[in-house]
């Protein structure tokens, strides 16, 4: 006879911490040098003028100015063209 009651197993109780990804400064927002514009996994949004890429693909401003989101046509290695989002910081 069992000495303890059957308890079952808990499999889905663990949860990872939030990573707070996404766009931090919108189109037209004022950016100072070093301010994070986009936190992302992989380069979903490419860096334009006055924007640098961190080692975890974070985009941040290198000069002061206004944030501008545009699109650019990019040709892949297989010859296909795709439209990619690009973020820039324009002075002024």
Foldseek 3Di string as FASTA:
>chain_A
DDPDDDDDDDDPPDDDDDPPFAADADFFGKAAAPAWGGQDAPCQEAEDEQWDQDPRRTITGHHTAGKHKDWDWDADPVGDIDIGIYIYGDHD
